[in-house]
């Protein structure tokens, strides 16, 4: 698995994606969560939060989700999902019985049977 498959996306982490088209439409709690998902400071008044989010978007860092958010549980979940996706389940062949074999009953087949 390459690194591009192991990075977190906005849809992988709850609160990492802005719901509304305008940053100003979000609550302080939503903005703080969005900033926390990018390991940015989430303290300050509303105007500071909005400025911080807008600056992050302008510089292109809005897609960089921190893998350690919430103790890394979303990163671990994504790795588990990718492992399930890229590994095929192994099919185990059935065991043949070791005892209890008997001679197969046979009988004469008629001459023109086939």
Protein backbone atom coordinates (compact mmCIF):
# COMPACT_ATOMS: atom_id res chain seq x y z
CA UNK A 1 0.00 0.00 0.00
CA UNK A 2 1.41 3.34 -0.96
CA UNK A 3 1.35 6.46 1.22
CA UNK A 4 -1.43 8.05 -0.82
CA UNK A 5 -3.75 5.25 0.26
CA UNK A 6 -2.79 5.64 3.92
CA UNK A 7 -3.43 9.34 4.34
CA UNK A 8 -6.70 10.46 5.82
CA UNK A 9 -9.29 12.25 3.73
CA UNK A 10 -12.02 14.63 4.88
CA UNK A 11 -14.63 11.88 4.65
CA UNK A 12 -12.60 9.55 6.88
CA UNK A 13 -12.87 11.73 9.99
CA UNK A 14 -16.10 13.14 11.43
CA UNK A 15 -15.96 16.93 11.53
CA UNK A 16 -13.05 17.23 9.09
CA UNK A 17 -15.28 18.45 6.28
CA UNK A 18 -17.03 21.79 6.21
CA UNK A 19 -20.77 21.30 5.85
CA UNK A 20 -21.74 24.71 4.46
CA UNK A 21 -20.30 26.60 1.51
CA UNK A 22 -19.41 29.64 3.65
CA UNK A 23 -17.08 29.29 6.63
CA UNK A 24 -19.10 31.90 8.53
CA UNK A 25 -22.17 29.64 8.53
CA UNK A 26 -20.48 27.10 10.82
CA UNK A 27 -20.69 27.12 14.59
CA UNK A 28 -17.64 27.71 16.77
CA UNK A 29 -17.69 24.03 17.74
CA UNK A 30 -17.63 22.95 14.07
CA UNK A 31 -14.77 25.33 13.30
CA UNK A 32 -12.77 24.12 16.30
CA UNK A 33 -13.24 20.50 15.25
CA UNK A 34 -12.22 21.33 11.67
CA UNK A 35 -9.06 23.04 12.94
CA UNK A 36 -8.29 20.19 15.36
CA UNK A 37 -8.45 17.72 12.47
CA UNK A 38 -5.56 19.63 10.91
CA UNK A 39 -3.56 20.01 14.15
CA UNK A 40 -4.12 23.76 14.10
CA UNK A 41 -4.82 25.85 17.21
CA UNK A 42 -8.52 25.80 18.01
CA UNK A 43 -8.57 28.55 20.62
CA UNK A 44 -9.66 32.13 20.13
CA UNK A 45 -12.82 34.06 19.45
CA UNK A 46 -15.11 33.43 16.50
CA UNK A 47 -13.42 35.89 14.13
CA UNK A 48 -10.00 34.33 14.86
CA UNK A 49 -11.38 30.85 14.16
CA UNK A 50 -12.92 31.99 10.88
CA UNK A 51 -9.67 33.73 9.84
CA UNK A 52 -7.64 30.64 10.72
CA UNK A 53 -9.92 28.36 8.66
CA UNK A 54 -9.91 30.75 5.69
CA UNK A 55 -6.11 31.06 5.81
CA UNK A 56 -5.75 27.30 5.91
CA UNK A 57 -8.00 26.94 2.87
CA UNK A 58 -6.16 29.71 0.97
CA UNK A 59 -2.74 28.12 1.49
CA UNK A 60 -4.04 24.69 0.39
CA UNK A 61 -3.56 22.92 3.72
CA UNK A 62 -7.27 22.17 4.09
CA UNK A 63 -6.83 18.61 2.76
CA UNK A 64 -4.04 17.73 5.22
CA UNK A 65 -5.83 15.73 7.91
CA UNK A 66 -3.72 14.84 10.96
CA UNK A 67 -3.36 11.08 11.35
CA UNK A 68 -3.19 11.42 15.15
CA UNK A 69 -6.63 13.02 15.50
CA UNK A 70 -8.70 11.34 18.24
CA UNK A 71 -5.72 9.25 19.29
CA UNK A 72 -5.20 7.91 15.77
CA UNK A 73 -8.38 5.81 15.77
CA UNK A 74 -9.52 7.03 12.33
CA UNK A 75 -6.12 6.25 10.85
CA UNK A 76 -6.20 2.77 12.41
CA UNK A 77 -9.72 2.23 11.07
CA UNK A 78 -8.64 3.23 7.57
CA UNK A 79 -5.68 0.85 7.71
CA UNK A 80 -7.96 -1.99 8.80
CA UNK A 81 -10.40 -1.20 5.98
CA UNK A 82 -7.54 -1.17 3.46
CA UNK A 83 -6.21 -4.48 4.77
CA UNK A 84 -9.64 -6.04 4.30
CA UNK A 85 -9.85 -4.56 0.82
CA UNK A 86 -6.44 -5.76 -0.36
CA UNK A 87 -6.34 -9.20 1.26
CA UNK A 88 -8.28 -12.09 -0.11
CA UNK A 89 -9.64 -14.62 2.31
CA UNK A 90 -7.86 -17.94 2.11
CA UNK A 91 -10.07 -20.90 1.51
CA UNK A 92 -9.11 -23.91 3.53
CA UNK A 93 -9.66 -27.22 1.86
CA UNK A 94 -11.77 -29.66 3.80
CA UNK A 95 -9.95 -32.39 5.67
CA UNK A 96 -10.33 -35.87 4.27
CA UNK A 97 -11.27 -38.53 6.78
CA UNK A 98 -8.36 -40.63 7.97
CA UNK A 99 -10.37 -43.67 8.95
CA UNK A 100 -13.70 -45.20 8.03
CA UNK A 101 -12.74 -45.81 4.40
CA UNK A 102 -14.36 -48.89 2.90
CA UNK A 103 -14.12 -50.55 -0.46
CA UNK A 104 -16.38 -48.84 -2.95
CA UNK A 105 -19.20 -51.15 -3.99
CA UNK A 106 -18.91 -52.01 -7.63
CA UNK A 107 -21.07 -53.90 -10.03
CA UNK A 108 -20.85 -54.86 -13.64
CA UNK A 109 -21.88 -52.13 -16.07
CA UNK A 110 -24.01 -53.25 -19.01
CA UNK A 111 -22.12 -53.53 -22.29
CA UNK A 112 -23.91 -50.66 -24.14
CA UNK A 113 -24.44 -48.38 -21.11
CA UNK A 114 -22.71 -45.23 -22.39
